[in-house]
């Protein structure tokens, strides 16, 4: 009878250790995924900054061209 309890306890411990190993592996995979997404986010932020600078430069050039056109005398 006592031997059966030890076997039962042994099986429960093996199951717990198996679940622990699985959860540990899943946790590592999730950490890697989170890290990769963080890197992608940083890249997207860099692109956003670049696009904002390009937009501002284009807007400044358009404003300068509009000002030049406004100075043109249309009363010929």
PDB file of N, CA and C in Angstrom:
ATOM      1  N   UNK A   1       0.807  -1.192   0.000  1.00  0.00           N
ATOM      2  CA  UNK A   1       0.000   0.000   0.000  1.00  0.00           C
ATOM      3  C   UNK A   1       0.861   1.273   0.000  1.00  0.00           C
ATOM      4  N   UNK A   2       1.893   1.293   0.846  1.00  0.00           N
ATOM      5  CA  UNK A   2       2.775   2.459   0.923  1.00  0.00           C
ATOM      6  C   UNK A   2       3.538   2.653  -0.385  1.00  0.00           C
ATOM      7  N   UNK A   3       3.908   1.564  -1.009  1.00  0.00           N
ATOM      8  CA  UNK A   3       4.640   1.627  -2.266  1.00  0.00           C
ATOM      9  C   UNK A   3       3.789   2.285  -3.353  1.00  0.00           C
ATOM     10  N   UNK A   4       2.506   2.030  -3.346  1.00  0.00           N
ATOM     11  CA  UNK A   4       1.602   2.646  -4.326  1.00  0.00           C
ATOM     12  C   UNK A   4       1.546   4.156  -4.145  1.00  0.00           C
ATOM     13  N   UNK A   5       1.557   4.619  -2.926  1.00  0.00           N
ATOM     14  CA  UNK A   5       1.530   6.058  -2.658  1.00  0.00           C
ATOM     15  C   UNK A   5       2.800   6.726  -3.164  1.00  0.00           C
ATOM     16  N   UNK A   6       3.931   6.029  -2.988  1.00  0.00           N
ATOM     17  CA  UNK A   6       5.187   6.588  -3.498  1.00  0.00           C
ATOM     18  C   UNK A   6       5.185   6.649  -5.027  1.00  0.00           C
ATOM     19  N   UNK A   7       4.652   5.637  -5.659  1.00  0.00           N
ATOM     20  CA  UNK A   7       4.560   5.627  -7.125  1.00  0.00           C
ATOM     21  C   UNK A   7       3.639   6.746  -7.608  1.00  0.00           C
ATOM     22  N   UNK A   8       2.555   6.916  -6.888  1.00  0.00           N
ATOM     23  CA  UNK A   8       1.610   7.986  -7.236  1.00  0.00           C
ATOM     24  C   UNK A   8       2.272   9.351  -7.073  1.00  0.00           C
ATOM     25  N   UNK A   9       2.991   9.520  -5.986  1.00  0.00           N
ATOM     26  CA  UNK A   9       3.710  10.770  -5.747  1.00  0.00           C
ATOM     27  C   UNK A   9       4.776  10.994  -6.816  1.00  0.00           C
ATOM     28  N   UNK A  10       5.465   9.928  -7.174  1.00  0.00           N
ATOM     29  CA  UNK A  10       6.492  10.012  -8.203  1.00  0.00           C
ATOM     30  C   UNK A  10       5.894  10.456  -9.539  1.00  0.00           C
ATOM     31  N   UNK A  11       4.755   9.916  -9.913  1.00  0.00           N
ATOM     32  CA  UNK A  11       4.083  10.305 -11.158  1.00  0.00           C
ATOM     33  C   UNK A  11       3.656  11.770 -11.114  1.00  0.00           C
ATOM     34  N   UNK A  12       3.138  12.201  -9.988  1.00  0.00           N
ATOM     35  CA  UNK A  12       2.726  13.601  -9.867  1.00  0.00           C
ATOM     36  C   UNK A  12       3.923  14.526  -9.999  1.00  0.00           C
ATOM     37  N   UNK A  13       5.037  14.161  -9.386  1.00  0.00           N
ATOM     38  CA  UNK A  13       6.249  14.985  -9.479  1.00  0.00           C
ATOM     39  C   UNK A  13       6.751  15.022 -10.917  1.00  0.00           C
ATOM     40  N   UNK A  14       6.729  13.897 -11.594  1.00  0.00           N
ATOM     41  CA  UNK A  14       7.149  13.855 -13.002  1.00  0.00           C
ATOM     42  C   UNK A  14       6.252  14.740 -13.857  1.00  0.00           C
ATOM     43  N   UNK A  15       4.952  14.714 -13.603  1.00  0.00           N
ATOM     44  CA  UNK A  15       4.019  15.563 -14.352  1.00  0.00           C
ATOM     45  C   UNK A  15       4.290  17.041 -14.096  1.00  0.00           C
ATOM     46  N   UNK A  16       4.540  17.382 -12.852  1.00  0.00           N
ATOM     47  CA  UNK A  16       4.835  18.781 -12.518  1.00  0.00           C
ATOM     48  C   UNK A  16       6.114  19.229 -13.209  1.00  0.00           C
ATOM     49  N   UNK A  17       7.139  18.397 -13.177  1.00  0.00           N
ATOM     50  CA  UNK A  17       8.402  18.744 -13.833  1.00  0.00           C
ATOM     51  C   UNK A  17       8.242  18.850 -15.343  1.00  0.00           C
ATOM     52  N   UNK A  18       7.429  17.986 -15.912  1.00  0.00           N
ATOM     53  CA  UNK A  18       7.165  18.047 -17.346  1.00  0.00           C
ATOM     54  C   UNK A  18       6.448  19.342 -17.715  1.00  0.00           C
ATOM     55  N   UNK A  19       5.453  19.701 -16.932  1.00  0.00           N
ATOM     56  CA  UNK A  19       4.720  20.956 -17.160  1.00  0.00           C
ATOM     57  C   UNK A  19       5.643  22.156 -16.984  1.00  0.00           C
ATOM     58  N   UNK A  20       6.512  22.081 -15.977  1.00  0.00           N
ATOM     59  CA  UNK A  20       7.459  23.172 -15.732  1.00  0.00           C
ATOM     60  C   UNK A  20       8.373  23.365 -16.941  1.00  0.00           C
ATOM     61  N   UNK A  21       8.902  22.258 -17.479  1.00  0.00           N
ATOM     62  CA  UNK A  21       9.786  22.340 -18.644  1.00  0.00           C
ATOM     63  C   UNK A  21       9.050  22.944 -19.839  1.00  0.00           C
ATOM     64  N   UNK A  22       7.804  22.542 -20.029  1.00  0.00           N
ATOM     65  CA  UNK A  22       7.014  23.068 -21.140  1.00  0.00           C
ATOM     66  C   UNK A  22       6.760  24.566 -20.963  1.00  0.00           C
ATOM     67  N   UNK A  23       6.388  24.966 -19.758  1.00  0.00           N
ATOM     68  CA  UNK A  23       6.136  26.386 -19.494  1.00  0.00           C
ATOM     69  C   UNK A  23       7.413  27.215 -19.627  1.00  0.00           C
ATOM     70  N   UNK A  24       8.525  26.650 -19.206  1.00  0.00           N
ATOM     71  CA  UNK A  24       9.798  27.352 -19.331  1.00  0.00           C
ATOM     72  C   UNK A  24      10.136  27.586 -20.805  1.00  0.00           C
ATOM     73  N   UNK A  25       9.906  26.566 -21.634  1.00  0.00           N
ATOM     74  CA  UNK A  25      10.170  26.690 -23.067  1.00  0.00           C
ATOM     75  C   UNK A  25       9.237  27.732 -23.700  1.00  0.00           C
ATOM     76  N   UNK A  26       7.967  27.690 -23.349  1.00  0.00           N
ATOM     77  CA  UNK A  26       7.000  28.663 -23.879  1.00  0.00           C
ATOM     78  C   UNK A  26       7.370  30.078 -23.437  1.00  0.00           C
ATOM     79  N   UNK A  27       7.807  30.215 -22.207  1.00  0.00           N
ATOM     80  CA  UNK A  27       8.207  31.518 -21.701  1.00  0.00           C
ATOM     81  C   UNK A  27       9.378  32.073 -22.503  1.00  0.00           C
ATOM     82  N   UNK A  28      10.362  31.227 -22.805  1.00  0.00           N
ATOM     83  CA  UNK A  28      11.510  31.661 -23.596  1.00  0.00           C
ATOM     84  C   UNK A  28      11.086  32.075 -25.002  1.00  0.00           C
ATOM     85  N   UNK A  29      10.184  31.313 -25.600  1.00  0.00           N
ATOM     86  CA  UNK A  29       9.697  31.653 -26.945  1.00  0.00           C
ATOM     87  C   UNK A  29       8.970  32.991 -26.929  1.00  0.00           C
ATOM     88  N   UNK A  30       8.175  33.232 -25.898  1.00  0.00           N
ATOM     89  CA  UNK A  30       7.454  34.502 -25.791  1.00  0.00           C
ATOM     90  C   UNK A  30       8.416  35.670 -25.571  1.00  0.00           C
ATOM     91  N   UNK A  31       9.461  35.448 -24.805  1.00  0.00           N
ATOM     92  CA  UNK A  31      10.465  36.499 -24.605  1.00  0.00           C
ATOM     93  C   UNK A  31      11.139  36.852 -25.920  1.00  0.00           C
ATOM     94  N   UNK A  32      11.475  35.841 -26.703  1.00  0.00           N
ATOM     95  CA  UNK A  32      12.101  36.077 -28.009  1.00  0.00           C
ATOM     96  C   UNK A  32      11.155  36.823 -28.937  1.00  0.00           C
ATOM     97  N   UNK A  33       9.898  36.434 -28.939  1.00  0.00           N
ATOM     98  CA  UNK A  33       8.904  37.105 -29.773  1.00  0.00           C
ATOM     99  C   UNK A  33       8.748  38.566 -29.362  1.00  0.00           C
ATOM    100  N   UNK A  34       8.698  38.806 -28.070  1.00  0.00           N
ATOM    101  CA  UNK A  34       8.582  40.172 -27.562  1.00  0.00           C
ATOM    102  C   UNK A  34       9.798  40.996 -27.946  1.00  0.00           C
ATOM    103  N   UNK A  35      10.973  40.409 -27.851  1.00  0.00           N
ATOM    104  CA  UNK A  35      12.197  41.109 -28.226  1.00  0.00           C
ATOM    105  C   UNK A  35      12.187  41.456 -29.712  1.00  0.00           C
ATOM    106  N   UNK A  36      11.766  40.503 -30.549  1.00  0.00           N
ATOM    107  CA  UNK A  36      11.705  40.748 -31.991  1.00  0.00           C
ATOM    108  C   UNK A  36      10.712  41.863 -32.321  1.00  0.00           C
ATOM    109  N   UNK A  37       9.579  41.856 -31.652  1.00  0.00           N
ATOM    110  CA  UNK A  37       8.590  42.901 -31.901  1.00  0.00           C
ATOM    111  C   UNK A  37       9.098  44.254 -31.430  1.00  0.00           C
ATOM    112  N   UNK A  38       9.856  44.257 -30.350  1.00  0.00           N
ATOM    113  CA  UNK A  38      10.464  45.506 -29.882  1.00  0.00           C
ATOM    114  C   UNK A  38      11.429  46.065 -30.919  1.00  0.00           C
ATOM    115  N   UNK A  39      12.221  45.180 -31.524  1.00  0.00           N
ATOM    116  CA  UNK A  39      13.154  45.609 -32.562  1.00  0.00           C
ATOM    117  C   UNK A  39      12.402  46.145 -33.783  1.00  0.00           C
ATOM    118  N   UNK A  40      11.318  45.477 -34.154  1.00  0.00           N
ATOM    119  CA  UNK A  40      10.505  45.954 -35.278  1.00  0.00           C
ATOM    120  C   UNK A  40       9.905  47.318 -34.975  1.00  0.00           C
ATOM    121  N   UNK A  41       9.470  47.506 -33.745  1.00  0.00           N
ATOM    122  CA  UNK A  41       8.883  48.785 -33.342  1.00  0.00           C
ATOM    123  C   UNK A  41       9.913  49.898 -33.421  1.00  0.00           C
ATOM    124  N   UNK A  42      11.128  49.624 -32.984  1.00  0.00           N
ATOM    125  CA  UNK A  42      12.188  50.629 -33.071  1.00  0.00           C
ATOM    126  C   UNK A  42      12.471  50.989 -34.529  1.00  0.00           C
ATOM    127  N   UNK A  43      12.471  49.985 -35.403  1.00  0.00           N
ATOM    128  CA  UNK A  43      12.675  50.249 -36.826  1.00  0.00           C
ATOM    129  C   UNK A  43      11.555  51.086 -37.408  1.00  0.00           C
ATOM    130  N   UNK A  44      10.324  50.794 -37.012  1.00  0.00           N
ATOM    131  CA  UNK A  44       9.176  51.566 -37.499  1.00  0.00           C
ATOM    132  C   UNK A  44       9.246  53.002 -36.995  1.00  0.00           C
ATOM    133  N   UNK A  45       9.675  53.186 -35.756  1.00  0.00           N
ATOM    134  CA  UNK A  45       9.815  54.542 -35.215  1.00  0.00           C
ATOM    135  C   UNK A  45      10.863  55.322 -36.001  1.00  0.00           C
ATOM    136  N   UNK A  46      11.951  54.645 -36.354  1.00  0.00           N
ATOM    137  CA  UNK A  46      12.995  55.294 -37.157  1.00  0.00           C
ATOM    138  C   UNK A  46      12.461  55.714 -38.517  1.00  0.00           C
ATOM    139  N   UNK A  47      11.693  54.834 -39.140  1.00  0.00           N
ATOM    140  CA  UNK A  47      11.100  55.170 -40.437  1.00  0.00           C
ATOM    141  C   UNK A  47      10.115  56.316 -40.313  1.00  0.00           C
ATOM    142  N   UNK A  48       9.338  56.323 -39.254  1.00  0.00           N
ATOM    143  CA  UNK A  48       8.370  57.395 -39.042  1.00  0.00           C
ATOM    144  C   UNK A  48       9.077  58.742 -38.914  1.00  0.00           C
ATOM    145  N   UNK A  49      10.166  58.761 -38.162  1.00  0.00           N
ATOM    146  CA  UNK A  49      10.937  60.000 -38.032  1.00  0.00           C
ATOM    147  C   UNK A  49      11.485  60.457 -39.371  1.00  0.00           C
ATOM    148  N   UNK A  50      11.981  59.509 -40.149  1.00  0.00           N
ATOM    149  CA  UNK A  50      12.521  59.834 -41.472  1.00  0.00           C
ATOM    150  C   UNK A  50      11.424  60.397 -42.380  1.00  0.00           C
ATOM    151  N   UNK A  51      10.257  59.762 -42.364  1.00  0.00           N
ATOM    152  CA  UNK A  51       9.156  60.233 -43.194  1.00  0.00           C
ATOM    153  C   UNK A  51       8.666  61.609 -42.754  1.00  0.00           C
ATOM    154  N   UNK A  52       8.670  61.845 -41.465  1.00  0.00           N
ATOM    155  CA  UNK A  52       8.261  63.166 -40.957  1.00  0.00           C
ATOM    156  C   UNK A  52       9.229  64.241 -41.437  1.00  0.00           C
ATOM    157  N   UNK A  53      10.524  63.936 -41.389  1.00  0.00           N
ATOM    158  CA  UNK A  53      11.516  64.900 -41.871  1.00  0.00           C
ATOM    159  C   UNK A  53      11.338  65.171 -43.362  1.00  0.00           C
ATOM    160  N   UNK A  54      11.105  64.120 -44.138  1.00  0.00           N
ATOM    161  CA  UNK A  54      10.898  64.292 -45.577  1.00  0.00           C
ATOM    162  C   UNK A  54       9.643  65.105 -45.861  1.00  0.00           C
ATOM    163  N   UNK A  55       8.573  64.842 -45.095  1.00  0.00           N
ATOM    164  CA  UNK A  55       7.332  65.590 -45.263  1.00  0.00           C
ATOM    165  C   UNK A  55       7.551  67.073 -44.946  1.00  0.00           C
ATOM    166  N   UNK A  56       8.265  67.342 -43.865  1.00  0.00           N
ATOM    167  CA  UNK A  56       8.531  68.728 -43.490  1.00  0.00           C
ATOM    168  C   UNK A  56       9.373  69.438 -44.536  1.00  0.00           C
ATOM    169  N   UNK A  57      10.345  68.733 -45.099  1.00  0.00           N
ATOM    170  CA  UNK A  57      11.189  69.323 -46.138  1.00  0.00           C
ATOM    171  C   UNK A  57      10.356  69.612 -47.390  1.00  0.00           C
ATOM    172  N   UNK A  58       9.490  68.676 -47.763  1.00  0.00           N
ATOM    173  CA  UNK A  58       8.637  68.890 -48.939  1.00  0.00           C
ATOM    174  C   UNK A  58       7.682  70.053 -48.696  1.00  0.00           C
ATOM    175  N   UNK A  59       7.135  70.146 -47.491  1.00  0.00           N
ATOM    176  CA  UNK A  59       6.218  71.236 -47.163  1.00  0.00           C
ATOM    177  C   UNK A  59       6.935  72.591 -47.238  1.00  0.00           C
ATOM    178  N   UNK A  60       8.166  72.649 -46.750  1.00  0.00           N
ATOM    179  CA  UNK A  60       8.934  73.893 -46.796  1.00  0.00           C
ATOM    180  C   UNK A  60       9.216  74.299 -48.242  1.00  0.00           C
ATOM    181  N   UNK A  61       9.555  73.338 -49.080  1.00  0.00           N
ATOM    182  CA  UNK A  61       9.811  73.651 -50.490  1.00  0.00           C
ATOM    183  C   UNK A  61       8.542  74.123 -51.195  1.00  0.00           C
ATOM    184  N   UNK A  62       7.406  73.464 -50.884  1.00  0.00           N
ATOM    185  CA  UNK A  62       6.143  73.894 -51.484  1.00  0.00           C
ATOM    186  C   UNK A  62       5.765  75.301 -51.032  1.00  0.00           C
ATOM    187  N   UNK A  63       5.969  75.591 -49.751  1.00  0.00           N
ATOM    188  CA  UNK A  63       5.684  76.948 -49.258  1.00  0.00           C
ATOM    189  C   UNK A  63       6.550  77.987 -49.978  1.00  0.00           C
ATOM    190  N   UNK A  64       7.809  77.646 -50.199  1.00  0.00           N
ATOM    191  CA  UNK A  64       8.698  78.576 -50.905  1.00  0.00           C
ATOM    192  C   UNK A  64       8.232  78.777 -52.341  1.00  0.00           C
ATOM    193  N   UNK A  65       7.819  77.706 -53.006  1.00  0.00           N
ATOM    194  CA  UNK A  65       7.328  77.832 -54.380  1.00  0.00           C
ATOM    195  C   UNK A  65       6.034  78.637 -54.438  1.00  0.00           C
ATOM    196  N   UNK A  66       5.155  78.425 -53.480  1.00  0.00           N
ATOM    197  CA  UNK A  66       3.896  79.187 -53.441  1.00  0.00           C
ATOM    198  C   UNK A  66       4.179  80.661 -53.232  1.00  0.00           C
ATOM    199  N   UNK A  67       5.129  80.960 -52.360  1.00  0.00           N
ATOM    200  CA  UNK A  67       5.501  82.368 -52.144  1.00  0.00           C
ATOM    201  C   UNK A  67       6.074  82.990 -53.407  1.00  0.00           C
ATOM    202  N   UNK A  68       6.871  82.229 -54.154  1.00  0.00           N
ATOM    203  CA  UNK A  68       7.410  82.750 -55.408  1.00  0.00           C
ATOM    204  C   UNK A  68       6.286  83.034 -56.406  1.00  0.00           C
ATOM    205  N   UNK A  69       5.304  82.132 -56.460  1.00  0.00           N
ATOM    206  CA  UNK A  69       4.193  82.324 -57.387  1.00  0.00           C
ATOM    207  C   UNK A  69       3.324  83.512 -56.969  1.00  0.00           C
ATOM    208  N   UNK A  70       3.192  83.759 -55.699  1.00  0.00           N
ATOM    209  CA  UNK A  70       2.386  84.873 -55.241  1.00  0.00           C
ATOM    210  C   UNK A  70       3.034  86.211 -55.581  1.00  0.00           C
ATOM    211  N   UNK A  71       4.363  86.209 -55.686  1.00  0.00           N
ATOM    212  CA  UNK A  71       5.092  87.427 -56.019  1.00  0.00           C
ATOM    213  C   UNK A  71       5.022  87.759 -57.504  1.00  0.00           C
ATOM    214  N   UNK A  72       4.604  86.813 -58.321  1.00  0.00           N
ATOM    215  CA  UNK A  72       4.532  87.029 -59.766  1.00  0.00           C
ATOM    216  C   UNK A  72       3.344  87.972 -60.043  1.00  0.00           C
ATOM    217  N   UNK A  73       3.615  88.982 -60.799  1.00  0.00           N
ATOM    218  CA  UNK A  73       2.575  89.959 -61.158  1.00  0.00           C
ATOM    219  C   UNK A  73       1.744  89.393 -62.302  1.00  0.00           C
ATOM    220  N   UNK A  74       0.471  89.175 -62.066  1.00  0.00           N
ATOM    221  CA  UNK A  74      -0.406  88.606 -63.078  1.00  0.00           C
ATOM    222  C   UNK A  74      -1.119  89.674 -63.902  1.00  0.00           C
ATOM    223  N   UNK A  75      -0.848  90.943 -63.625  1.00  0.00           N
ATOM    224  CA  UNK A  75      -1.490  92.032 -64.355  1.00  0.00           C
ATOM    225  C   UNK A  75      -0.670  92.376 -65.577  1.00  0.00           C
ATOM    226  N   UNK A  76      -0.719  91.630 -66.574  1.00  0.00           N
ATOM    227  CA  UNK A  76       0.052  91.915 -67.782  1.00  0.00           C
ATOM    228  C   UNK A  76      -0.695  92.714 -68.734  1.00  0.00           C
TER     229      UNK A  76
END
